[in-house]
Amino acid sequence: MTIRLATDADFDALWPLLRATFRAGDTYAVDPQISREAAFDYWMTQPAATYVAEGPDGIAGTYYIRTNQPGGGAHICNCGYIVAEAARGQGLAAQMCITSQQQAAALGYQAMQFNFVLASNAGAVRLWHRLGFDTVGTIPAAFNHPQAGMVDAFVMYKRLDG
């Protein structure tokens, strides 16, 4: 799997992956009916950088890196990751997270923070803990999950310089 910077030309391949994830409404606090144009802005334009994970069958995953807060908080980044259903369970999310930390440090960020990791996304919570992230806060009943109802969200954090 090769991880590289995404280009605008990649969006035709990314849109079905983003659309399926956002429409499911069970991991991202994004309007499930987000338009293609708004998704392009959210995933490709707003971030400091967007990457794709590409294998022999095409794009299998993607992530973005964006400044978490402006001004005095601009040294901390936020990332979002999506793995295609067919590529899940093969270590791609871990590979993308490790690479994103390296890329974020190269972009000058000193820490990475995940603002809204759903407690119902147990696989992601386990993975982020395994990769050195600490849960630094819990937002009770933060997300109305389509199957699980109201679920907590975690704020997770990791310094990138040590």
N, C-alpha and C. Protein backbone atom coordinates (compact mmCIF):
# COMPACT_ATOMS: atom_id res chain seq x y z
N MET A 1 0.85 -1.18 0.00
CA MET A 1 0.00 0.00 0.00
C MET A 1 0.89 1.23 0.00
N THR A 2 0.63 2.15 -0.88
CA THR A 2 1.36 3.41 -0.96
C THR A 2 0.48 4.53 -0.42
N ILE A 3 1.04 5.33 0.47
CA ILE A 3 0.33 6.49 0.99
C ILE A 3 0.98 7.72 0.38
N ARG A 4 0.14 8.54 -0.26
CA ARG A 4 0.64 9.72 -0.95
C ARG A 4 -0.33 10.88 -0.77
N LEU A 5 0.14 12.09 -1.05
CA LEU A 5 -0.73 13.25 -1.04
C LEU A 5 -1.86 13.06 -2.04
N ALA A 6 -3.04 13.43 -1.66
CA ALA A 6 -4.18 13.37 -2.57
C ALA A 6 -4.14 14.58 -3.50
N THR A 7 -4.68 14.38 -4.69
CA THR A 7 -4.86 15.48 -5.63
C THR A 7 -6.36 15.64 -5.88
N ASP A 8 -6.74 16.77 -6.44
CA ASP A 8 -8.15 16.98 -6.77
C ASP A 8 -8.67 15.87 -7.68
N ALA A 9 -7.80 15.35 -8.54
CA ALA A 9 -8.20 14.29 -9.47
C ALA A 9 -8.57 12.99 -8.74
N ASP A 10 -8.11 12.82 -7.51
CA ASP A 10 -8.45 11.62 -6.73
C ASP A 10 -9.88 11.65 -6.21
N PHE A 11 -10.53 12.81 -6.23
CA PHE A 11 -11.81 12.90 -5.57
C PHE A 11 -12.89 12.03 -6.21
N ASP A 12 -12.81 11.80 -7.50
CA ASP A 12 -13.79 10.90 -8.12
C ASP A 12 -13.74 9.51 -7.47
N ALA A 13 -12.55 9.05 -7.12
CA ALA A 13 -12.40 7.75 -6.46
C ALA A 13 -12.72 7.85 -4.96
N LEU A 14 -12.46 9.00 -4.36
CA LEU A 14 -12.71 9.18 -2.93
C LEU A 14 -14.19 9.36 -2.61
N TRP A 15 -14.93 10.02 -3.48
CA TRP A 15 -16.31 10.36 -3.18
C TRP A 15 -17.15 9.14 -2.78
N PRO A 16 -17.11 8.01 -3.49
CA PRO A 16 -17.92 6.87 -3.04
C PRO A 16 -17.56 6.38 -1.64
N LEU A 17 -16.28 6.43 -1.29
CA LEU A 17 -15.82 6.03 0.04
C LEU A 17 -16.33 7.01 1.10
N LEU A 18 -16.16 8.30 0.84
CA LEU A 18 -16.65 9.33 1.77
C LEU A 18 -18.17 9.27 1.89
N ARG A 19 -18.84 9.18 0.75
CA ARG A 19 -20.30 9.16 0.75
C ARG A 19 -20.83 8.00 1.58
N ALA A 20 -20.27 6.81 1.39
CA ALA A 20 -20.74 5.64 2.14
C ALA A 20 -20.52 5.83 3.64
N THR A 21 -19.38 6.37 4.02
CA THR A 21 -19.07 6.59 5.43
C THR A 21 -19.98 7.65 6.03
N PHE A 22 -20.13 8.76 5.35
CA PHE A 22 -20.97 9.84 5.88
C PHE A 22 -22.45 9.44 5.89
N ARG A 23 -22.91 8.76 4.86
CA ARG A 23 -24.32 8.35 4.80
C ARG A 23 -24.66 7.36 5.91
N ALA A 24 -23.71 6.51 6.28
CA ALA A 24 -23.95 5.55 7.37
C ALA A 24 -24.24 6.28 8.68
N GLY A 25 -23.63 7.43 8.86
CA GLY A 25 -23.92 8.27 10.02
C GLY A 25 -23.53 7.68 11.36
N ASP A 26 -22.56 6.77 11.36
CA ASP A 26 -22.22 6.09 12.62
C ASP A 26 -20.80 6.32 13.12
N THR A 27 -20.02 7.16 12.42
CA THR A 27 -18.67 7.44 12.89
C THR A 27 -18.30 8.92 12.83
N TYR A 28 -18.81 9.66 11.89
CA TYR A 28 -18.46 11.07 11.72
C TYR A 28 -19.64 11.97 12.05
N ALA A 29 -19.36 13.08 12.72
CA ALA A 29 -20.38 14.08 13.01
C ALA A 29 -20.47 15.03 11.81
N VAL A 30 -20.87 14.43 10.70
CA VAL A 30 -21.05 15.13 9.44
C VAL A 30 -22.48 14.86 8.99
N ASP A 31 -23.11 15.86 8.38
CA ASP A 31 -24.46 15.67 7.86
C ASP A 31 -24.47 14.45 6.94
N PRO A 32 -25.25 13.43 7.25
CA PRO A 32 -25.27 12.23 6.40
C PRO A 32 -25.68 12.52 4.96
N GLN A 33 -26.33 13.62 4.72
CA GLN A 33 -26.75 13.98 3.36
C GLN A 33 -25.82 15.02 2.73
N ILE A 34 -24.59 15.12 3.24
CA ILE A 34 -23.62 16.08 2.71
C ILE A 34 -23.52 15.93 1.19
N SER A 35 -23.45 17.04 0.51
CA SER A 35 -23.32 17.02 -0.95
C SER A 35 -21.89 16.69 -1.35
N ARG A 36 -21.73 16.29 -2.59
CA ARG A 36 -20.40 16.00 -3.12
C ARG A 36 -19.51 17.24 -2.99
N GLU A 37 -20.05 18.41 -3.31
CA GLU A 37 -19.28 19.64 -3.27
C GLU A 37 -18.87 19.99 -1.83
N ALA A 38 -19.79 19.84 -0.89
CA ALA A 38 -19.46 20.12 0.51
C ALA A 38 -18.45 19.10 1.05
N ALA A 39 -18.57 17.86 0.63
CA ALA A 39 -17.61 16.83 1.05
C ALA A 39 -16.22 17.13 0.48
N PHE A 40 -16.18 17.60 -0.76
CA PHE A 40 -14.89 17.99 -1.35
C PHE A 40 -14.24 19.08 -0.50
N ASP A 41 -15.02 20.09 -0.14
CA ASP A 41 -14.51 21.17 0.68
C ASP A 41 -14.02 20.65 2.03
N TYR A 42 -14.84 19.83 2.69
CA TYR A 42 -14.53 19.29 4.01
C TYR A 42 -13.27 18.42 3.98
N TRP A 43 -13.12 17.57 2.98
CA TRP A 43 -12.04 16.57 2.97
C TRP A 43 -10.81 17.03 2.20
N MET A 44 -11.00 17.89 1.20
CA MET A 44 -9.88 18.23 0.31
C MET A 44 -9.39 19.67 0.45
N THR A 45 -10.29 20.61 0.74
CA THR A 45 -9.92 22.03 0.73
C THR A 45 -9.56 22.54 2.12
N GLN A 46 -10.37 22.21 3.13
CA GLN A 46 -10.15 22.74 4.48
C GLN A 46 -8.88 22.21 5.14
N PRO A 47 -8.52 20.95 4.97
CA PRO A 47 -7.34 20.43 5.67
C PRO A 47 -6.02 21.06 5.18
N ALA A 48 -5.01 20.96 6.03
CA ALA A 48 -3.66 21.37 5.64
C ALA A 48 -3.12 20.41 4.57
N ALA A 49 -3.51 19.14 4.67
CA ALA A 49 -3.09 18.13 3.69
C ALA A 49 -4.07 16.96 3.75
N THR A 50 -4.26 16.33 2.61
CA THR A 50 -5.09 15.13 2.50
C THR A 50 -4.28 14.07 1.79
N TYR A 51 -4.40 12.84 2.27
CA TYR A 51 -3.63 11.73 1.73
C TYR A 51 -4.56 10.60 1.31
N VAL A 52 -4.06 9.78 0.40
CA VAL A 52 -4.77 8.55 0.01
C VAL A 52 -3.82 7.38 0.19
N ALA A 53 -4.42 6.24 0.53
CA ALA A 53 -3.69 4.97 0.59
C ALA A 53 -4.14 4.19 -0.64
N GLU A 54 -3.18 3.88 -1.48
CA GLU A 54 -3.50 3.29 -2.77
C GLU A 54 -2.81 1.95 -2.93
N GLY A 55 -3.57 0.97 -3.36
CA GLY A 55 -3.04 -0.36 -3.62
C GLY A 55 -3.29 -0.74 -5.07
N PRO A 56 -3.07 -1.99 -5.41
CA PRO A 56 -3.25 -2.42 -6.80
C PRO A 56 -4.68 -2.28 -7.31
N ASP A 57 -5.64 -2.28 -6.39
CA ASP A 57 -7.05 -2.17 -6.79
C ASP A 57 -7.58 -0.74 -6.66
N GLY A 58 -6.71 0.22 -6.42
CA GLY A 58 -7.13 1.61 -6.31
C GLY A 58 -7.03 2.13 -4.90
N ILE A 59 -7.77 3.19 -4.62
CA ILE A 59 -7.72 3.86 -3.32
C ILE A 59 -8.48 3.04 -2.28
N ALA A 60 -7.78 2.67 -1.21
CA ALA A 60 -8.37 1.83 -0.15
C ALA A 60 -8.59 2.61 1.14
N GLY A 61 -8.05 3.81 1.22
CA GLY A 61 -8.20 4.61 2.43
C GLY A 61 -7.77 6.03 2.19
N THR A 62 -8.09 6.88 3.15
CA THR A 62 -7.75 8.29 3.05
C THR A 62 -7.71 8.90 4.45
N TYR A 63 -6.95 9.97 4.58
CA TYR A 63 -6.98 10.74 5.82
C TYR A 63 -6.63 12.19 5.52
N TYR A 64 -7.02 13.06 6.44
CA TYR A 64 -6.65 14.47 6.34
C TYR A 64 -5.92 14.86 7.61
N ILE A 65 -5.16 15.94 7.50
CA ILE A 65 -4.52 16.60 8.63
C ILE A 65 -4.95 18.06 8.58
N ARG A 66 -5.50 18.56 9.69
CA ARG A 66 -5.90 19.96 9.73
C ARG A 66 -5.52 20.55 11.08
N THR A 67 -5.34 21.86 11.10
CA THR A 67 -5.08 22.56 12.35
C THR A 67 -6.32 22.45 13.22
N ASN A 68 -6.12 22.02 14.46
CA ASN A 68 -7.26 21.79 15.36
C ASN A 68 -7.90 23.10 15.80
N GLN A 69 -7.10 24.07 16.18
CA GLN A 69 -7.59 25.38 16.63
C GLN A 69 -6.65 26.45 16.07
N PRO A 70 -7.17 27.63 15.77
CA PRO A 70 -6.30 28.68 15.25
C PRO A 70 -5.48 29.34 16.37
N GLY A 71 -4.64 30.25 15.98
CA GLY A 71 -3.89 31.07 16.94
C GLY A 71 -3.03 30.25 17.86
N GLY A 72 -3.23 30.44 19.17
CA GLY A 72 -2.42 29.77 20.17
C GLY A 72 -2.55 28.26 20.20
N GLY A 73 -3.57 27.71 19.54
CA GLY A 73 -3.75 26.25 19.48
C GLY A 73 -3.31 25.64 18.16
N ALA A 74 -2.68 26.44 17.30
CA ALA A 74 -2.35 25.98 15.95
C ALA A 74 -1.22 24.95 15.90
N HIS A 75 -0.59 24.66 17.01
CA HIS A 75 0.48 23.67 17.03
C HIS A 75 -0.06 22.24 17.19
N ILE A 76 -1.38 22.11 17.37
CA ILE A 76 -2.03 20.80 17.51
C ILE A 76 -2.88 20.55 16.27
N CYS A 77 -2.74 19.38 15.70
CA CYS A 77 -3.54 19.04 14.52
C CYS A 77 -4.63 18.04 14.89
N ASN A 78 -5.54 17.91 13.98
CA ASN A 78 -6.62 16.93 14.05
C ASN A 78 -6.55 16.12 12.77
N CYS A 79 -6.91 14.87 12.84
CA CYS A 79 -6.94 14.02 11.65
C CYS A 79 -8.24 13.24 11.60
N GLY A 80 -8.64 12.88 10.40
CA GLY A 80 -9.77 12.00 10.19
C GLY A 80 -9.35 10.92 9.21
N TYR A 81 -9.80 9.70 9.45
CA TYR A 81 -9.38 8.54 8.65
C TYR A 81 -10.61 7.79 8.15
N ILE A 82 -10.52 7.28 6.95
CA ILE A 82 -11.55 6.39 6.41
C ILE A 82 -10.86 5.27 5.66
N VAL A 83 -11.29 4.04 5.95
CA VAL A 83 -10.79 2.86 5.26
C VAL A 83 -11.96 2.23 4.52
N ALA A 84 -11.74 1.90 3.26
CA ALA A 84 -12.77 1.24 2.47
C ALA A 84 -13.16 -0.07 3.13
N GLU A 85 -14.43 -0.42 3.05
CA GLU A 85 -14.92 -1.64 3.69
C GLU A 85 -14.11 -2.87 3.29
N ALA A 86 -13.77 -2.98 2.02
CA ALA A 86 -13.02 -4.15 1.53
C ALA A 86 -11.60 -4.21 2.08
N ALA A 87 -11.08 -3.09 2.59
CA ALA A 87 -9.70 -3.05 3.09
C ALA A 87 -9.61 -3.09 4.61
N ARG A 88 -10.73 -3.20 5.28
CA ARG A 88 -10.72 -3.20 6.75
C ARG A 88 -10.14 -4.50 7.30
N GLY A 89 -9.56 -4.40 8.50
CA GLY A 89 -9.00 -5.57 9.16
C GLY A 89 -7.64 -5.98 8.65
N GLN A 90 -7.00 -5.12 7.88
CA GLN A 90 -5.70 -5.46 7.29
C GLN A 90 -4.58 -4.55 7.78
N GLY A 91 -4.87 -3.74 8.79
CA GLY A 91 -3.83 -2.87 9.36
C GLY A 91 -3.68 -1.53 8.67
N LEU A 92 -4.56 -1.21 7.74
CA LEU A 92 -4.42 0.04 7.00
C LEU A 92 -4.66 1.26 7.89
N ALA A 93 -5.64 1.21 8.77
CA ALA A 93 -5.89 2.36 9.66
C ALA A 93 -4.65 2.64 10.52
N ALA A 94 -4.02 1.60 11.03
CA ALA A 94 -2.80 1.79 11.83
C ALA A 94 -1.69 2.39 10.98
N GLN A 95 -1.53 1.87 9.77
CA GLN A 95 -0.49 2.39 8.87
C GLN A 95 -0.75 3.87 8.56
N MET A 96 -2.00 4.22 8.30
CA MET A 96 -2.32 5.62 8.00
C MET A 96 -2.09 6.50 9.22
N CYS A 97 -2.46 6.03 10.40
CA CYS A 97 -2.28 6.83 11.61
C CYS A 97 -0.80 7.07 11.89
N ILE A 98 0.01 6.04 11.76
CA ILE A 98 1.45 6.18 11.98
C ILE A 98 2.04 7.17 10.97
N THR A 99 1.67 7.01 9.71
CA THR A 99 2.16 7.91 8.67
C THR A 99 1.68 9.34 8.91
N SER A 100 0.42 9.48 9.34
CA SER A 100 -0.11 10.83 9.57
C SER A 100 0.64 11.53 10.69
N GLN A 101 1.07 10.80 11.69
CA GLN A 101 1.84 11.41 12.77
C GLN A 101 3.18 11.93 12.24
N GLN A 102 3.82 11.16 11.38
CA GLN A 102 5.08 11.58 10.77
C GLN A 102 4.87 12.81 9.89
N GLN A 103 3.80 12.77 9.08
CA GLN A 103 3.51 13.90 8.19
C GLN A 103 3.15 15.14 9.01
N ALA A 104 2.37 14.97 10.06
CA ALA A 104 1.98 16.11 10.90
C ALA A 104 3.20 16.75 11.54
N ALA A 105 4.11 15.93 12.05
CA ALA A 105 5.34 16.47 12.64
C ALA A 105 6.15 17.22 11.58
N ALA A 106 6.21 16.68 10.38
CA ALA A 106 6.93 17.35 9.30
C ALA A 106 6.28 18.68 8.93
N LEU A 107 4.97 18.79 9.12
CA LEU A 107 4.25 20.04 8.85
C LEU A 107 4.39 21.03 10.01
N GLY A 108 5.05 20.61 11.10
CA GLY A 108 5.31 21.51 12.22
C GLY A 108 4.37 21.34 13.40
N TYR A 109 3.46 20.39 13.34
CA TYR A 109 2.57 20.18 14.49
C TYR A 109 3.32 19.48 15.61
N GLN A 110 2.96 19.82 16.85
CA GLN A 110 3.62 19.24 18.02
C GLN A 110 2.78 18.16 18.69
N ALA A 111 1.50 18.10 18.35
CA ALA A 111 0.61 17.12 18.96
C ALA A 111 -0.55 16.86 18.00
N MET A 112 -1.24 15.75 18.25
CA MET A 112 -2.41 15.37 17.48
C MET A 112 -3.56 15.13 18.45
N GLN A 113 -4.71 15.63 18.10
CA GLN A 113 -5.89 15.47 18.95
C GLN A 113 -7.07 15.01 18.10
N PHE A 114 -7.73 13.97 18.57
CA PHE A 114 -8.98 13.53 17.96
C PHE A 114 -10.09 14.08 18.84
N ASN A 115 -10.95 14.90 18.28
CA ASN A 115 -11.94 15.64 19.05
C ASN A 115 -13.20 14.86 19.37
N PHE A 116 -13.48 13.80 18.61
CA PHE A 116 -14.81 13.22 18.68
C PHE A 116 -14.76 11.75 18.26
N VAL A 117 -14.11 10.92 19.07
CA VAL A 117 -14.04 9.48 18.79
C VAL A 117 -15.20 8.83 19.53
N LEU A 118 -16.11 8.25 18.80
CA LEU A 118 -17.31 7.69 19.42
C LEU A 118 -16.98 6.44 20.23
N ALA A 119 -17.54 6.37 21.42
CA ALA A 119 -17.35 5.19 22.28
C ALA A 119 -17.84 3.93 21.57
N SER A 120 -18.82 4.08 20.70
CA SER A 120 -19.35 2.93 19.95
C SER A 120 -18.38 2.43 18.89
N ASN A 121 -17.37 3.20 18.56
CA ASN A 121 -16.36 2.80 17.57
C ASN A 121 -15.19 2.16 18.32
N ALA A 122 -15.49 1.02 18.93
CA ALA A 122 -14.53 0.36 19.83
C ALA A 122 -13.23 0.01 19.14
N GLY A 123 -13.28 -0.39 17.88
CA GLY A 123 -12.06 -0.73 17.16
C GLY A 123 -11.12 0.46 17.05
N ALA A 124 -11.67 1.63 16.74
CA ALA A 124 -10.85 2.83 16.65
C ALA A 124 -10.30 3.22 18.01
N VAL A 125 -11.11 3.15 19.04
CA VAL A 125 -10.64 3.49 20.39
C VAL A 125 -9.47 2.59 20.78
N ARG A 126 -9.60 1.29 20.55
CA ARG A 126 -8.50 0.35 20.86
C ARG A 126 -7.25 0.68 20.07
N LEU A 127 -7.43 0.95 18.77
CA LEU A 127 -6.28 1.25 17.92
C LEU A 127 -5.58 2.52 18.36
N TRP A 128 -6.33 3.58 18.60
CA TRP A 128 -5.69 4.83 19.00
C TRP A 128 -4.96 4.66 20.34
N HIS A 129 -5.53 3.92 21.27
CA HIS A 129 -4.81 3.65 22.53
C HIS A 129 -3.53 2.86 22.25
N ARG A 130 -3.63 1.85 21.40
CA ARG A 130 -2.45 1.03 21.07
C ARG A 130 -1.34 1.89 20.44
N LEU A 131 -1.74 2.92 19.69
CA LEU A 131 -0.77 3.78 19.02
C LEU A 131 -0.32 4.96 19.88
N GLY A 132 -0.67 4.93 21.17
CA GLY A 132 -0.12 5.90 22.12
C GLY A 132 -0.99 7.09 22.44
N PHE A 133 -2.23 7.11 21.98
CA PHE A 133 -3.13 8.21 22.30
C PHE A 133 -3.76 7.98 23.67
N ASP A 134 -3.90 9.05 24.42
CA ASP A 134 -4.58 9.01 25.71
C ASP A 134 -5.97 9.60 25.55
N THR A 135 -6.93 9.02 26.25
CA THR A 135 -8.26 9.63 26.34
C THR A 135 -8.16 10.71 27.40
N VAL A 136 -8.36 11.96 26.99
CA VAL A 136 -8.20 13.08 27.92
C VAL A 136 -9.54 13.71 28.30
N GLY A 137 -10.61 13.20 27.72
CA GLY A 137 -11.92 13.72 28.07
C GLY A 137 -13.02 12.87 27.48
N THR A 138 -14.19 12.97 28.10
CA THR A 138 -15.38 12.28 27.63
C THR A 138 -16.51 13.28 27.54
N ILE A 139 -17.19 13.29 26.41
CA ILE A 139 -18.36 14.13 26.22
C ILE A 139 -19.57 13.19 26.31
N PRO A 140 -20.33 13.27 27.40
CA PRO A 140 -21.45 12.34 27.58
C PRO A 140 -22.55 12.55 26.55
N ALA A 141 -23.09 11.44 26.06
CA ALA A 141 -24.23 11.46 25.14
C ALA A 141 -24.04 12.50 24.03
N ALA A 142 -22.87 12.49 23.42
CA ALA A 142 -22.50 13.53 22.46
C ALA A 142 -23.01 13.28 21.05
N PHE A 143 -23.41 12.05 20.76
CA PHE A 143 -23.72 11.69 19.37
C PHE A 143 -24.94 10.78 19.33
N ASN A 144 -25.84 11.11 18.45
CA ASN A 144 -27.04 10.29 18.27
C ASN A 144 -26.76 9.25 17.18
N HIS A 145 -26.29 8.10 17.61
CA HIS A 145 -25.91 7.01 16.72
C HIS A 145 -27.17 6.37 16.14
N PRO A 146 -27.19 6.07 14.83
CA PRO A 146 -28.41 5.54 14.23
C PRO A 146 -28.87 4.19 14.77
N GLN A 147 -27.97 3.38 15.33
CA GLN A 147 -28.36 2.10 15.92
C GLN A 147 -28.27 2.09 17.44
N ALA A 148 -27.24 2.71 17.99
CA ALA A 148 -26.97 2.63 19.42
C ALA A 148 -27.62 3.75 20.24
N GLY A 149 -28.21 4.72 19.58
CA GLY A 149 -28.78 5.85 20.31
C GLY A 149 -27.69 6.80 20.76
N MET A 150 -27.91 7.47 21.88
CA MET A 150 -26.95 8.46 22.35
C MET A 150 -25.70 7.77 22.90
N VAL A 151 -24.55 8.13 22.33
CA VAL A 151 -23.29 7.54 22.77
C VAL A 151 -22.31 8.65 23.15
N ASP A 152 -21.38 8.30 24.03
CA ASP A 152 -20.34 9.23 24.44
C ASP A 152 -19.32 9.40 23.32
N ALA A 153 -18.62 10.52 23.36
CA ALA A 153 -17.48 10.75 22.47
C ALA A 153 -16.26 11.04 23.33
N PHE A 154 -15.12 10.56 22.87
CA PHE A 154 -13.87 10.76 23.58
C PHE A 154 -13.02 11.80 22.86
N VAL A 155 -12.29 12.57 23.65
CA VAL A 155 -11.23 13.43 23.14
C VAL A 155 -9.94 12.68 23.41
N MET A 156 -9.15 12.46 22.35
CA MET A 156 -7.91 11.67 22.49
C MET A 156 -6.74 12.52 22.00
N TYR A 157 -5.58 12.33 22.64
CA TYR A 157 -4.45 13.24 22.45
C TYR A 157 -3.13 12.48 22.48
N LYS A 158 -2.19 12.98 21.66
CA LYS A 158 -0.83 12.43 21.68
C LYS A 158 0.15 13.51 21.27
N ARG A 159 1.21 13.67 22.05
CA ARG A 159 2.31 14.55 21.66
C ARG A 159 3.08 13.87 20.53
N LEU A 160 3.57 14.66 19.58
CA LEU A 160 4.29 14.10 18.43
C LEU A 160 5.79 14.19 18.58
N ASP A 161 6.27 14.81 19.63
CA ASP A 161 7.72 14.98 19.80
C ASP A 161 8.30 14.02 20.82
N GLY A 162 7.60 12.98 21.13
CA GLY A 162 8.18 12.10 22.12
C GLY A 162 7.36 10.94 22.34
